Amino acid sequence: MGLKKAIGRIFHSRRFPLWLLAAFLAWFALWAIRPPHPSDFILEHLLTVAGVGVLCATYRWFRMSNISYMLLFIFLCLHVVGAHYTYAEVPYEEWIATAASWFGAEGFDLRSALGFQRNHYDRLVHFAFGLLCVYPVREIFLRVARVKGFWGYYLPLDVAMSFSMLYELLEWAVAMFAGDGGQAYLGTQGDEWDAHKDMALASAGALLAMSATAFINWRLKKDFAAEFIDSLKPKDPAPLGESEVKE
């Protein structure tokens, strides 16, 4: 019980985001040691540095919840591992085989067991992007745009899907102009539908997260249904468009 209280005290502390930042910087430094493909490592972390920079710059005037920071921390840690090896070469199958041997399952082969034909670490991280990043986006919509009801679930999902699409376009642009390093960054592994599957997984993760959030709110909020229905009703009965332009 004492451990549970201690963990709860740490999680609810105002310094929790700072501890997460320190842990992430240590994690990043560890995986920055001798990456197999330095140029790809740099490409992968351009957005990482920008994203962490934005979170740090906005911390004082727009401090998000500890839950949001925790979810972003987990996603970034997964990404750092993929950036170290390049996503197509993360040896997670070897790690799982080693862990299985500790429990007496010598010679376990994940690829054979599940019929994998490629390295799927990139698929995991795309799914994690939607699953873990959509809640912080929802928090921004609720606190800045004051959205309610249906829009508090749909708009974060829409943003997650849009950012997934934009990232695939970015990968394509880098692959066009960065030569061999761009191909490693792209990481299609010969799958012509790679971008489509990545976007589908990110969308599935975001949909799962928003569905779970809606279910929890439905269970906890007495006015959930009324707010949801009211959010779909027009607040201004007058149509906007050509009449507004004319005025």
Protein backbone atom coordinates (compact mmCIF):
# COMPACT_ATOMS: atom_id res chain seq x y z
CA MET A 1 0.00 0.00 0.00
CA GLY A 2 2.91 2.33 0.78
CA LEU A 3 4.39 1.73 -2.68
CA LYS A 4 1.03 2.46 -4.31
CA LYS A 5 0.75 5.76 -2.45
CA ALA A 6 4.33 6.68 -3.35
CA ILE A 7 3.71 6.01 -7.05
CA GLY A 8 0.49 8.01 -6.93
CA ARG A 9 2.28 10.90 -5.23
CA ILE A 10 4.98 10.91 -7.90
CA PHE A 11 2.47 10.73 -10.77
CA HIS A 12 0.42 13.63 -9.42
CA SER A 13 3.44 15.79 -8.64
CA ARG A 14 3.85 19.05 -10.56
CA ARG A 15 7.46 18.03 -11.18
CA PHE A 16 6.42 14.82 -12.92
CA PRO A 17 6.85 16.28 -16.45
CA LEU A 18 10.38 17.42 -15.52
CA TRP A 19 11.26 13.93 -14.32
CA LEU A 20 9.90 12.53 -17.58
CA LEU A 21 12.06 14.99 -19.52
CA ALA A 22 15.16 13.95 -17.57
CA ALA A 23 14.35 10.26 -18.14
CA PHE A 24 13.80 10.86 -21.85
CA LEU A 25 17.08 12.73 -22.27
CA ALA A 26 18.91 9.87 -20.55
CA TRP A 27 17.10 7.34 -22.79
CA PHE A 28 17.92 9.39 -25.88
CA ALA A 29 21.59 9.67 -24.91
CA LEU A 30 21.80 5.92 -24.40
CA TRP A 31 20.41 5.13 -27.86
CA ALA A 32 22.44 7.90 -29.52
CA ILE A 33 25.62 5.91 -28.93
CA ARG A 34 27.02 4.54 -32.21
CA PRO A 35 23.83 4.18 -34.29
CA PRO A 36 24.39 1.81 -37.26
CA HIS A 37 23.16 4.46 -39.74
CA PRO A 38 24.14 7.94 -38.46
CA SER A 39 22.56 9.88 -41.34
CA ASP A 40 19.23 8.12 -40.88
CA PHE A 41 19.49 8.65 -37.13
CA ILE A 42 19.72 12.40 -37.72
CA LEU A 43 16.79 12.39 -40.16
CA GLU A 44 14.63 10.42 -37.75
CA HIS A 45 15.24 12.88 -34.92
CA LEU A 46 14.60 16.17 -36.69
CA LEU A 47 10.94 15.98 -35.70
CA THR A 48 11.83 14.53 -32.28
CA VAL A 49 13.95 17.56 -31.39
CA ALA A 50 11.31 19.93 -32.75
CA GLY A 51 8.52 18.22 -30.84
CA VAL A 52 10.36 18.12 -27.52
CA GLY A 53 11.37 21.74 -28.07
CA VAL A 54 7.73 22.77 -28.51
CA LEU A 55 6.70 20.89 -25.35
CA CYS A 56 9.45 22.62 -23.37
CA ALA A 57 8.70 26.06 -24.81
CA THR A 58 4.97 25.82 -24.03
CA TYR A 59 5.34 24.23 -20.59
CA ARG A 60 4.91 27.42 -18.56
CA TRP A 61 1.90 28.90 -20.34
CA PHE A 62 0.19 25.69 -21.47
CA ARG A 63 1.04 22.90 -19.08
CA MET A 64 -0.75 19.72 -20.10
CA SER A 65 -1.85 16.94 -17.79
CA ASN A 66 0.62 14.40 -16.45
CA ILE A 67 -1.30 11.72 -18.36
CA SER A 68 -0.65 13.50 -21.65
CA TYR A 69 3.04 13.95 -20.91
CA MET A 70 3.31 10.29 -19.90
CA LEU A 71 1.69 9.10 -23.14
CA LEU A 72 3.99 11.30 -25.22
CA PHE A 73 7.00 10.05 -23.25
CA ILE A 74 6.16 6.40 -24.02
CA PHE A 75 5.69 7.13 -27.72
CA LEU A 76 8.97 9.05 -27.99
CA CYS A 77 10.86 6.28 -26.21
CA LEU A 78 9.53 3.75 -28.74
CA HIS A 79 10.54 6.07 -31.56
CA VAL A 80 14.08 6.53 -30.22
CA VAL A 81 14.67 2.77 -30.39
CA GLY A 82 13.48 2.66 -34.00
CA ALA A 83 15.64 5.64 -34.92
CA HIS A 84 18.75 4.00 -33.48
CA TYR A 85 18.62 0.91 -35.71
CA THR A 86 16.33 2.27 -38.47
CA TYR A 87 12.86 0.85 -38.13
CA ALA A 88 13.45 -1.99 -40.56
CA GLU A 89 16.34 -3.37 -38.52
CA VAL A 90 15.13 -3.24 -34.90
CA PRO A 91 16.07 -6.70 -33.51
CA TYR A 92 12.92 -7.15 -31.44
CA GLU A 93 12.64 -10.78 -32.54
CA GLU A 94 16.02 -11.52 -30.95
CA TRP A 95 14.97 -9.73 -27.77
CA ILE A 96 11.76 -11.76 -27.57
CA ALA A 97 13.67 -15.01 -28.25
CA THR A 98 16.09 -14.15 -25.43
CA ALA A 99 13.23 -13.37 -23.05
CA ALA A 100 11.49 -16.62 -24.04
CA SER A 101 14.65 -18.59 -23.25
CA TRP A 102 14.53 -17.23 -19.69
CA PHE A 103 11.21 -19.02 -19.30
CA GLY A 104 12.43 -22.26 -20.84
CA ALA A 105 11.19 -21.67 -24.41
CA GLU A 106 14.53 -22.18 -26.11
CA GLY A 107 14.61 -21.56 -29.86
CA PHE A 108 11.35 -19.59 -29.95
CA ASP A 109 11.00 -17.77 -33.29
CA LEU A 110 8.41 -14.99 -33.36
CA ARG A 111 8.55 -14.65 -37.15
CA SER A 112 7.76 -18.32 -37.68
CA ALA A 113 5.12 -18.37 -34.94
CA LEU A 114 3.17 -15.43 -36.39
CA GLY A 115 4.09 -15.86 -40.05
CA PHE A 116 5.78 -12.47 -40.33
CA GLN A 117 7.48 -11.70 -43.64
CA ARG A 118 9.04 -8.39 -42.56
CA ASN A 119 10.17 -6.42 -39.53
CA HIS A 120 7.00 -4.98 -37.97
CA TYR A 121 8.49 -2.56 -35.45
CA ASP A 122 7.46 0.37 -37.64
CA ARG A 123 3.88 -0.92 -37.64
CA LEU A 124 3.95 -0.99 -33.82
CA VAL A 125 5.13 2.62 -33.59
CA HIS A 126 2.58 3.88 -36.13
CA PHE A 127 -0.15 2.21 -34.08
CA ALA A 128 1.38 3.69 -30.92
CA PHE A 129 1.35 7.15 -32.52
CA GLY A 130 -2.42 7.05 -32.85
CA LEU A 131 -2.99 5.28 -29.54
CA LEU A 132 -0.74 7.47 -27.41
CA CYS A 133 -0.73 10.89 -29.07
CA VAL A 134 -4.43 11.39 -29.71
CA TYR A 135 -5.29 12.00 -26.03
CA PRO A 136 -2.91 14.99 -25.72
CA VAL A 137 -4.47 16.36 -28.91
CA ARG A 138 -7.91 15.94 -27.33
CA GLU A 139 -6.73 17.86 -24.28
CA ILE A 140 -5.64 20.75 -26.50
CA PHE A 141 -9.01 20.82 -28.28
CA LEU A 142 -10.93 20.77 -24.99
CA ARG A 143 -8.86 23.47 -23.31
CA VAL A 144 -8.16 25.80 -26.26
CA ALA A 145 -11.10 25.39 -28.64
CA ARG A 146 -13.57 24.42 -25.88
CA VAL A 147 -15.04 21.63 -27.99
CA LYS A 148 -17.64 19.38 -26.41
CA GLY A 149 -19.43 16.11 -27.00
CA PHE A 150 -18.91 14.40 -30.35
CA TRP A 151 -16.30 16.94 -31.49
CA GLY A 152 -14.09 16.20 -28.49
CA TYR A 153 -13.59 12.68 -29.86
CA TYR A 154 -13.86 13.15 -33.62
CA LEU A 155 -11.51 16.13 -34.04
CA PRO A 156 -8.54 14.53 -32.19
CA LEU A 157 -9.07 11.39 -34.30
CA ASP A 158 -9.13 13.50 -37.44
CA VAL A 159 -5.90 15.29 -36.45
CA ALA A 160 -4.14 11.99 -35.72
CA MET A 161 -5.16 10.66 -39.14
CA SER A 162 -4.09 13.90 -40.83
CA PHE A 163 -0.67 13.93 -39.15
CA SER A 164 -0.17 10.30 -40.10
CA MET A 165 -0.86 11.22 -43.73
CA LEU A 166 1.48 14.23 -43.54
CA TYR A 167 4.24 12.05 -42.12
CA GLU A 168 3.91 9.61 -45.00
CA LEU A 169 4.22 12.52 -47.44
CA LEU A 170 7.29 13.70 -45.55
CA GLU A 171 8.84 10.23 -45.83
CA TRP A 172 8.17 10.26 -49.57
CA ALA A 173 9.78 13.71 -49.95
CA VAL A 174 12.87 12.67 -47.97
CA ALA A 175 13.21 9.46 -49.98
CA MET A 176 13.11 11.49 -53.20
CA PHE A 177 15.95 13.83 -52.21
CA ALA A 178 18.08 12.05 -49.61
CA GLY A 179 19.42 9.11 -51.62
CA ASP A 180 20.25 5.91 -49.74
CA GLY A 181 19.64 7.55 -46.40
CA GLY A 182 16.17 8.46 -47.57
CA GLN A 183 15.42 4.86 -48.49
CA ALA A 184 16.39 3.72 -45.00
CA TYR A 185 14.19 6.49 -43.58
CA LEU A 186 11.29 5.39 -45.77
CA GLY A 187 11.54 1.79 -44.56
CA THR A 188 8.92 0.22 -46.84
CA GLN A 189 10.78 -3.12 -46.89
CA GLY A 190 9.42 -3.83 -50.34
CA ASP A 191 5.75 -3.38 -49.43
CA GLU A 192 4.01 -1.17 -52.00
CA TRP A 193 1.12 -0.64 -49.56
CA ASP A 194 3.39 0.33 -46.66
CA ALA A 195 2.15 3.92 -46.38
CA HIS A 196 -1.49 2.83 -46.49
CA LYS A 197 -0.97 0.24 -43.75
CA ASP A 198 0.93 2.72 -41.59
CA MET A 199 -1.89 5.25 -41.85
CA ALA A 200 -4.49 2.57 -41.16
CA LEU A 201 -2.68 1.45 -38.00
CA ALA A 202 -2.27 5.01 -36.73
CA SER A 203 -5.98 5.59 -37.37
CA ALA A 204 -6.88 2.33 -35.60
CA GLY A 205 -4.79 3.29 -32.57
CA ALA A 206 -6.41 6.74 -32.38
CA LEU A 207 -9.89 5.27 -32.81
CA LEU A 208 -9.24 2.78 -30.02
CA ALA A 209 -7.98 5.51 -27.68
CA MET A 210 -10.93 7.82 -28.36
CA SER A 211 -13.41 4.95 -28.07
CA ALA A 212 -11.93 4.02 -24.68
CA THR A 213 -12.02 7.67 -23.58
CA ALA A 214 -15.65 8.00 -24.67
CA PHE A 215 -16.56 4.78 -22.83
CA ILE A 216 -14.92 5.98 -19.61
CA ASN A 217 -16.66 9.36 -19.85
CA TRP A 218 -19.98 7.62 -20.57
CA ARG A 219 -19.55 5.63 -17.38
CA LEU A 220 -18.49 8.60 -15.24
CA LYS A 221 -20.42 11.60 -16.61
CA LYS A 222 -24.15 11.70 -16.00
CA ASP A 223 -24.72 14.29 -18.74
CA PHE A 224 -22.59 12.45 -21.34
CA ALA A 225 -25.49 11.59 -23.69
CA ALA A 226 -27.10 15.04 -23.44
CA GLU A 227 -23.79 16.80 -24.13
CA PHE A 228 -23.02 14.46 -27.02
CA ILE A 229 -26.39 15.08 -28.68
CA ASP A 230 -26.31 18.84 -28.02
CA SER A 231 -22.87 19.11 -29.66
CA LEU A 232 -24.42 17.97 -32.96
CA LYS A 233 -27.14 20.61 -32.96
CA PRO A 234 -26.56 23.88 -34.91
CA LYS A 235 -25.82 26.78 -32.55
CA ASP A 236 -26.60 29.40 -35.21
CA PRO A 237 -29.69 28.63 -37.31
CA ALA A 238 -28.66 31.05 -40.06
CA PRO A 239 -26.59 29.46 -42.86
CA LEU A 240 -23.11 30.83 -43.56
CA GLY A 241 -21.57 31.17 -47.00
CA GLU A 242 -22.71 33.36 -49.85
CA SER A 243 -25.03 35.36 -47.57
CA GLU A 244 -22.17 36.06 -45.17
CA VAL A 245 -19.92 37.17 -48.02
CA LYS A 246 -22.63 39.46 -49.34
CA GLU A 247 -22.98 41.15 -45.96
